[in-house]
Protein backbone atom coordinates (compact mmCIF):
# COMPACT_ATOMS: atom_id res chain seq x y z
CA UNK A 1 6.17 4.61 14.87
CA UNK A 2 9.26 6.51 13.76
CA UNK A 3 9.84 8.93 10.88
CA UNK A 4 12.91 9.02 8.65
CA UNK A 5 14.15 10.38 5.37
CA UNK A 6 14.98 7.30 3.35
CA UNK A 7 15.72 6.11 -0.18
CA UNK A 8 13.06 3.75 -1.50
CA UNK A 9 15.28 0.68 -1.69
CA UNK A 10 16.55 1.25 1.87
CA UNK A 11 13.04 1.80 3.15
CA UNK A 12 12.02 -1.49 1.53
CA UNK A 13 14.93 -3.24 3.28
CA UNK A 14 14.13 -1.62 6.65
CA UNK A 15 10.47 -2.64 6.32
CA UNK A 16 11.62 -6.21 5.58
CA UNK A 17 13.56 -6.27 8.83
CA UNK A 18 10.73 -4.75 10.90
CA UNK A 19 8.18 -7.16 9.36
CA UNK A 20 10.05 -10.07 11.02
CA UNK A 21 11.51 -11.46 7.83
CA UNK A 22 13.50 -14.59 8.59
CA UNK A 23 15.66 -14.70 5.48
CA UNK A 24 16.63 -12.79 2.39
CA UNK A 25 18.29 -14.36 -0.63
CA UNK A 26 19.19 -12.14 -3.56
CA UNK A 27 21.71 -10.99 -6.12
CA UNK A 28 22.80 -7.42 -6.83
CA UNK A 29 21.45 -5.63 -9.88
CA UNK A 30 20.94 -1.92 -10.56
CA UNK A 31 18.67 -0.15 -9.62
CA UNK A 32 17.96 -2.17 -6.47
CA UNK A 33 21.40 -3.16 -5.17
CA UNK A 34 20.95 -0.91 -2.07
CA UNK A 35 18.48 -3.50 -0.69
CA UNK A 36 21.09 -6.21 -0.08
CA UNK A 37 23.71 -3.61 0.93
CA UNK A 38 21.35 -2.23 3.63
CA UNK A 39 20.37 -5.67 4.85
CA UNK A 40 24.01 -6.76 5.05
CA UNK A 41 24.72 -3.83 7.39
CA UNK A 42 21.55 -3.85 9.45
CA UNK A 43 19.61 -7.11 9.53
CA UNK A 44 21.64 -9.92 11.10
CA UNK A 45 22.83 -8.12 14.22
CA UNK A 46 19.38 -6.61 14.92
CA UNK A 47 17.11 -9.58 14.45
CA UNK A 48 19.19 -12.64 13.50
CA UNK A 49 17.76 -12.56 9.98
CA UNK A 50 19.67 -14.55 7.40
CA UNK A 51 21.04 -12.39 4.56
CA UNK A 52 22.76 -14.26 1.74
CA UNK A 53 24.02 -13.13 -1.65
CA UNK A 54 23.29 -16.08 -3.88
CA UNK A 55 25.43 -16.95 -6.89
CA UNK A 56 22.60 -15.96 -9.25
CA UNK A 57 18.96 -14.98 -9.43
CA UNK A 58 18.11 -18.62 -10.27
CA UNK A 59 19.84 -19.75 -7.08
CA UNK A 60 18.15 -17.03 -5.07
CA UNK A 61 14.58 -17.97 -6.06
CA UNK A 62 15.21 -21.64 -5.36
CA UNK A 63 16.61 -20.73 -1.91
CA UNK A 64 13.34 -18.82 -1.41
CA UNK A 65 11.42 -21.97 -2.45
CA UNK A 66 13.21 -24.13 0.12
CA UNK A 67 13.03 -21.68 2.99
CA UNK A 68 9.38 -20.84 2.30
CA UNK A 69 8.62 -24.59 2.46
CA UNK A 70 9.94 -24.58 6.04
CA UNK A 71 7.29 -22.03 6.99
CA UNK A 72 9.68 -19.09 7.24
CA UNK A 73 8.92 -15.49 6.26
CA UNK A 74 11.23 -14.94 3.26
CA UNK A 75 11.86 -12.39 0.54
CA UNK A 76 13.97 -11.65 -2.50
CA UNK A 77 14.43 -8.55 -4.64
CA UNK A 78 15.74 -7.96 -8.16
CA UNK A 79 15.19 -5.89 -11.27
CA UNK A 80 13.69 -6.78 -14.62
CA UNK A 81 16.17 -9.21 -16.27
CA UNK A 82 16.88 -10.70 -12.85
CA UNK A 83 13.21 -11.31 -12.28
CA UNK A 84 13.04 -12.97 -15.68
CA UNK A 85 15.54 -15.53 -14.48
CA UNK A 86 13.30 -16.29 -11.47
CA UNK A 87 10.21 -17.16 -13.44
CA UNK A 88 10.60 -20.94 -13.38
CA UNK A 89 11.07 -20.87 -9.59
CA UNK A 90 8.06 -18.59 -9.15
CA UNK A 91 5.91 -21.02 -11.10
CA UNK A 92 7.11 -23.84 -8.83
CA UNK A 93 6.38 -21.79 -5.70
CA UNK A 94 2.88 -20.89 -6.89
CA UNK A 95 2.08 -24.54 -7.66
CA UNK A 96 3.47 -25.67 -4.29
CA UNK A 97 1.32 -22.96 -2.64
CA UNK A 98 4.11 -21.35 -0.68
CA UNK A 99 4.11 -17.78 0.69
CA UNK A 100 6.97 -15.44 -0.14
CA UNK A 101 7.50 -11.85 -1.13
CA UNK A 102 9.36 -10.69 -4.26
CA UNK A 103 10.13 -7.08 -5.19
CA UNK A 104 10.85 -6.04 -8.77
CA UNK A 105 12.41 -2.56 -9.08
CA UNK A 106 11.86 -2.14 -12.83
CA UNK A 107 14.49 -0.98 -15.29
CA UNK A 108 14.15 -0.31 -18.98
CA UNK A 109 14.17 -3.19 -21.39
CA UNK A 110 13.73 -5.52 -23.21
CA UNK A 111 17.04 -7.28 -22.95
CA UNK A 112 19.64 -5.87 -20.62
CA UNK A 113 18.26 -2.48 -21.59
CA UNK A 114 19.06 0.42 -19.33
CA UNK A 115 19.36 1.03 -15.63
CA UNK A 116 16.83 3.84 -15.85
CA UNK A 117 13.27 3.39 -14.51
CA UNK A 118 10.53 1.60 -16.43
CA UNK A 119 7.17 -0.11 -16.04
CA UNK A 120 7.83 -2.66 -18.77
CA UNK A 121 7.28 -5.69 -16.51
CA UNK A 122 3.52 -5.33 -16.01
CA UNK A 123 2.67 -8.22 -18.33
CA UNK A 124 5.29 -10.44 -16.69
CA UNK A 125 4.01 -9.68 -13.19
CA UNK A 126 0.25 -9.87 -13.73
CA UNK A 127 -0.12 -12.52 -16.39
CA UNK A 128 2.25 -15.08 -14.86
CA UNK A 129 5.73 -14.66 -16.33
CA UNK A 130 6.49 -18.37 -15.99
CA UNK A 131 4.62 -21.42 -17.25
CA UNK A 132 1.17 -22.65 -16.32
CA UNK A 133 -2.07 -21.13 -15.01
CA UNK A 134 -0.95 -19.20 -11.98
CA UNK A 135 -0.98 -15.67 -10.55
CA UNK A 136 1.05 -13.63 -8.12
CA UNK A 137 -0.67 -11.02 -5.98
CA UNK A 138 0.85 -7.82 -7.35
CA UNK A 139 1.06 -4.54 -5.32
CA UNK A 140 2.12 -1.32 -7.03
CA UNK A 141 3.67 1.25 -4.63
CA UNK A 142 3.77 4.87 -5.80
CA UNK A 143 5.83 6.33 -2.99
CA UNK A 144 8.64 5.45 -0.61
CA UNK A 145 6.06 5.27 2.17
CA UNK A 146 4.18 2.62 0.22
CA UNK A 147 7.41 0.65 -0.24
CA UNK A 148 7.24 0.31 3.56
CA UNK A 149 3.52 -0.25 3.87
CA UNK A 150 3.25 -2.72 1.01
CA UNK A 151 6.16 -4.79 2.30
CA UNK A 152 4.23 -5.48 5.49
CA UNK A 153 0.97 -5.98 3.56
CA UNK A 154 2.73 -8.23 0.98
CA UNK A 155 3.90 -10.65 3.66
CA UNK A 156 0.42 -10.73 5.19
CA UNK A 157 -1.31 -11.46 1.86
CA UNK A 158 1.29 -14.11 0.88
CA UNK A 159 0.70 -15.96 4.13
CA UNK A 160 -3.07 -15.52 4.12
CA UNK A 161 -3.41 -17.11 0.67
CA UNK A 162 -0.22 -19.23 0.58
CA UNK A 163 1.00 -17.71 -2.67
CA UNK A 164 3.89 -15.56 -3.83
CA UNK A 165 3.27 -11.82 -3.71
CA UNK A 166 5.16 -9.19 -5.72
CA UNK A 167 5.89 -5.52 -5.18
CA UNK A 168 6.15 -4.02 -8.67
CA UNK A 169 7.92 -0.68 -8.42
CA UNK A 170 10.15 1.23 -10.82
CA UNK A 171 13.72 2.36 -10.47
CA UNK A 172 12.75 5.93 -9.69
CA UNK A 173 10.81 4.93 -6.56
CA UNK A 174 13.67 2.66 -5.55
CA UNK A 175 16.14 5.56 -5.84
CA UNK A 176 14.14 8.61 -4.65
CA UNK A 177 14.26 9.86 -1.08
CA UNK A 178 11.11 10.76 0.85
CA UNK A 179 10.02 10.99 4.45
CA UNK A 180 8.55 7.73 5.70
CA UNK A 181 6.79 6.58 8.84
CA UNK A 182 8.13 3.21 9.94
CA UNK A 183 6.09 0.66 11.91
CA UNK A 184 7.43 -0.89 15.07
CA UNK A 185 9.63 -3.98 14.97
CA UNK A 186 7.61 -7.18 14.72
CA UNK A 187 8.94 -10.41 16.26
CA UNK A 188 10.08 -13.25 14.07
CA UNK A 189 8.01 -16.39 14.05
CA UNK A 190 8.45 -19.01 16.74
CA UNK A 191 5.61 -21.23 15.60
CA UNK A 192 5.13 -22.59 12.11
CA UNK A 193 2.12 -23.73 10.03
CA UNK A 194 1.13 -27.37 10.04
CA UNK A 195 1.96 -27.73 6.34
CA UNK A 196 5.59 -26.66 6.74
CA UNK A 197 8.50 -29.09 6.39
CA UNK A 198 10.10 -28.59 9.80
CA UNK A 199 11.23 -32.16 10.31
CA UNK A 200 9.32 -35.40 10.84
CA UNK A 201 6.07 -34.64 12.73
CA UNK A 202 5.38 -36.44 15.99
CA UNK A 203 2.47 -38.30 14.46
CA UNK A 204 4.75 -39.74 11.80
CA UNK A 205 2.90 -38.27 8.81
CA UNK A 206 5.16 -37.17 5.95
CA UNK A 207 4.88 -33.60 4.71
CA UNK A 208 5.74 -33.45 1.02
CA UNK A 209 5.83 -30.11 -0.76
CA UNK A 210 6.14 -30.34 -4.51
CA UNK A 211 4.90 -28.91 -7.78
CA UNK A 212 5.27 -32.20 -9.61
CA UNK A 213 2.03 -34.15 -10.18
CA UNK A 214 2.47 -36.78 -12.88
CA UNK A 215 -1.16 -37.91 -13.11
CA UNK A 216 -3.25 -35.50 -15.23
CA UNK A 217 -6.28 -35.93 -13.01
CA UNK A 218 -4.25 -34.84 -9.98
CA UNK A 219 -2.70 -31.94 -11.89
CA UNK A 220 -6.14 -30.76 -12.93
CA UNK A 221 -7.36 -30.84 -9.30
CA UNK A 222 -4.33 -28.81 -8.23
CA UNK A 223 -5.12 -26.27 -10.97
CA UNK A 224 -8.78 -26.11 -10.00
CA UNK A 225 -7.79 -25.46 -6.40
CA UNK A 226 -5.52 -22.66 -7.49
CA UNK A 227 -8.24 -21.06 -9.58
CA UNK A 228 -10.67 -21.15 -6.61
CA UNK A 229 -8.03 -19.36 -4.56
CA UNK A 230 -7.54 -16.73 -7.28
CA UNK A 231 -11.30 -16.08 -7.44
CA UNK A 232 -11.26 -15.55 -3.65
CA UNK A 233 -8.35 -13.11 -3.98
CA UNK A 234 -10.18 -11.24 -6.75
CA UNK A 235 -13.25 -11.01 -4.51
CA UNK A 236 -11.48 -9.83 -1.33
CA UNK A 237 -8.21 -8.07 -2.14
CA UNK A 238 -8.87 -5.44 -4.81
CA UNK A 239 -7.30 -2.09 -3.83
CA UNK A 240 -7.39 1.22 -5.69
CA UNK A 241 -7.43 4.96 -5.15
CA UNK A 242 -9.68 7.51 -6.83
CA UNK A 243 -9.17 11.31 -6.95
CA UNK A 244 -11.82 13.78 -8.10
CA UNK A 245 -13.89 11.17 -9.87
CA UNK A 246 -17.21 12.35 -8.54
CA UNK A 247 -17.71 15.09 -11.16
CA UNK A 248 -15.10 13.86 -13.65
CA UNK A 249 -15.78 13.95 -17.38
CA UNK A 250 -12.39 12.39 -18.13
CA UNK A 251 -10.15 9.96 -16.26
CA UNK A 252 -6.36 9.77 -16.15
CA UNK A 253 -5.05 6.44 -14.95
CA UNK A 254 -1.67 4.91 -14.26
CA UNK A 255 0.12 2.84 -11.64
CA UNK A 256 3.11 3.48 -9.44
CA UNK A 257 5.11 6.62 -10.34
CA UNK A 258 2.88 7.08 -13.42
CA UNK A 259 -0.15 7.67 -11.12
CA UNK A 260 1.71 10.49 -9.35
CA UNK A 261 2.42 12.14 -12.68
CA UNK A 262 -1.22 11.70 -13.69
CA UNK A 263 -2.32 13.41 -10.48
CA UNK A 264 -0.19 16.48 -11.22
CA UNK A 265 -1.45 16.56 -14.84
CA UNK A 266 -5.00 16.36 -13.47
CA UNK A 267 -4.36 19.34 -11.17
CA UNK A 268 -3.05 21.36 -14.08
CA UNK A 269 -6.06 20.32 -16.17
CA UNK A 270 -8.48 21.27 -13.42
CA UNK A 271 -6.83 24.70 -13.25
CA UNK A 272 -7.71 25.11 -16.93
CA UNK A 273 -11.30 24.06 -16.31
CA UNK A 274 -11.16 20.42 -17.41
CA UNK A 275 -13.09 18.01 -15.20
CA UNK A 276 -10.47 15.31 -14.86
CA UNK A 277 -10.23 12.57 -12.22
CA UNK A 278 -7.60 9.95 -11.50
CA UNK A 279 -7.86 6.20 -10.87
CA UNK A 280 -4.81 4.47 -9.45
CA UNK A 281 -4.79 0.68 -9.14
CA UNK A 282 -2.91 -0.29 -6.00
CA UNK A 283 -3.29 -3.99 -6.77
CA UNK A 284 -2.39 -4.87 -10.35
CA UNK A 285 -3.52 -8.42 -9.65
CA UNK A 286 -6.26 -8.55 -8.66
CA UNK A 287 -7.03 -5.72 -11.05
CA UNK A 288 -9.80 -3.23 -9.98
CA UNK A 289 -12.08 -4.06 -12.91
CA UNK A 290 -15.28 -2.77 -11.42
CA UNK A 291 -14.24 0.84 -10.72
CA UNK A 292 -13.17 1.26 -14.32
CA UNK A 293 -16.40 -0.27 -15.56
CA UNK A 294 -18.50 1.98 -13.34
CA UNK A 295 -16.70 5.19 -14.26
CA UNK A 296 -16.61 4.33 -17.98
CA UNK A 297 -20.41 4.60 -18.05
CA UNK A 298 -20.31 8.30 -17.14
CA UNK A 299 -17.09 9.78 -18.55
CA UNK A 300 -16.19 10.88 -22.07
CA UNK A 301 -12.84 9.15 -22.12
CA UNK A 302 -9.92 7.58 -20.23
CA UNK A 303 -6.24 8.32 -20.78
CA UNK A 304 -3.90 5.59 -19.57
CA UNK A 305 -0.30 6.70 -18.89
CA UNK A 306 2.55 4.21 -18.45
CA UNK A 307 6.30 4.00 -18.72
CA UNK A 308 6.07 1.28 -21.42
CA UNK A 309 4.57 0.63 -24.85
CA UNK A 310 1.08 -0.01 -23.45
CA UNK A 311 0.50 -2.92 -21.06
CA UNK A 312 -1.97 -2.05 -18.29
CA UNK A 313 -4.04 -0.29 -20.96
CA UNK A 314 -5.15 -3.73 -22.18
CA UNK A 315 -6.73 -4.49 -18.78
CA UNK A 316 -8.29 -1.02 -18.68
CA UNK A 317 -9.89 -1.60 -22.09
CA UNK A 318 -11.18 -5.03 -21.00
CA UNK A 319 -12.67 -3.51 -17.84
CA UNK A 320 -14.31 -0.63 -19.75
CA UNK A 321 -15.97 -3.12 -22.14
CA UNK A 322 -16.43 -0.54 -24.86
CA UNK A 323 -18.38 1.92 -22.71
CA UNK A 324 -16.06 4.83 -23.46
CA UNK A 325 -12.97 5.74 -25.40
CA UNK A 326 -9.58 4.67 -24.00
CA UNK A 327 -6.34 6.24 -25.24
CA UNK A 328 -2.78 5.50 -24.23
CA UNK A 329 0.31 7.66 -23.70
CA UNK A 330 3.63 6.04 -22.87
CA UNK A 331 7.36 6.73 -22.73
CA UNK A 332 10.00 4.00 -22.94
CA UNK A 333 13.68 3.40 -22.49
CA UNK A 334 13.85 4.91 -19.02
CA UNK A 335 12.22 8.25 -19.99
CA UNK A 336 9.55 9.52 -17.58
CA UNK A 337 6.65 11.51 -18.99
CA UNK A 338 6.01 15.01 -17.63
CA UNK A 339 2.61 16.28 -16.46
CA UNK A 340 2.71 18.97 -19.19
CA UNK A 341 3.15 16.52 -22.01
CA UNK A 342 0.38 14.31 -20.65
CA UNK A 343 -2.02 17.25 -20.53
CA UNK A 344 -0.99 18.35 -24.02
CA UNK A 345 -1.66 14.83 -25.32
CA UNK A 346 -5.04 14.79 -23.57
CA UNK A 347 -5.99 18.10 -25.23
CA UNK A 348 -4.91 16.77 -28.63
CA UNK A 349 -6.81 13.51 -28.33
CA UNK A 350 -9.98 14.44 -26.46
CA UNK A 351 -10.77 18.15 -26.98
């Protein structure tokens, strides 16, 4: 292990290299352009990793589709409108059951919006931004360290379940600098799974990877298989963090950077005598439904804080099932809420 002071985007790129990534295909867009810049300097000479700037985000995701089909460990990164352009390809990749890792460093929208940080892509990431009944596994880092840790984890989960996995971070985490502990260099693959298209197998069987199934009966069976896989993911891969929930009368909740702000607001509230706890979902899909449901039976209320108009709050309310009151506080357009304004809103709404 080694420790370094790194910007979030560069830590993400370094983790990609150390995780034995075979290829990166991407296109520059603020606020994540440092990823491809770092990889261009560092990756090829160190590990032989392919780093290619595609002509567009559409091209990049289709390059990911092809290289993932060959059994390689592959990744792309972009930011909000760029990820929108990738949605058709992500739907194809999910249907073809191919592993890959995608990072979305959110910027404000909708539209071209602003280059400032946002969390406006929660719906897109967790509900399937493309067409059809599919999911991505979605990890929500809240620190530069987790940009590193979740890159390694994201590859592992993608390959375990043969599905695309997404890191959903915001522009602030991509741009901030923090001390990180880096894991040791992992070797690139030399053996590939038996489903991969690595040339004609010795036994002569053809390996066809596609998302096109013309017969409705076949398409239904593919969908049923995907749904069984998603139920398995929901059973085994839920991750969350709780802080001071044992005696809590109120809960603050948020993901990514929002969770860090909630934690500071909680500390200020505790100093004033309010029994506040924090729940931070680390996986946005699968969503940690059960912890919200359990806590909702004993607390007086939950305040959800996001950098959007209210997206994760819908999943919180579904999880709570009417057991307690759920309020929302959000800032948009690239504005980040302060702990003081969150606590002030809490006092106004709940006390």
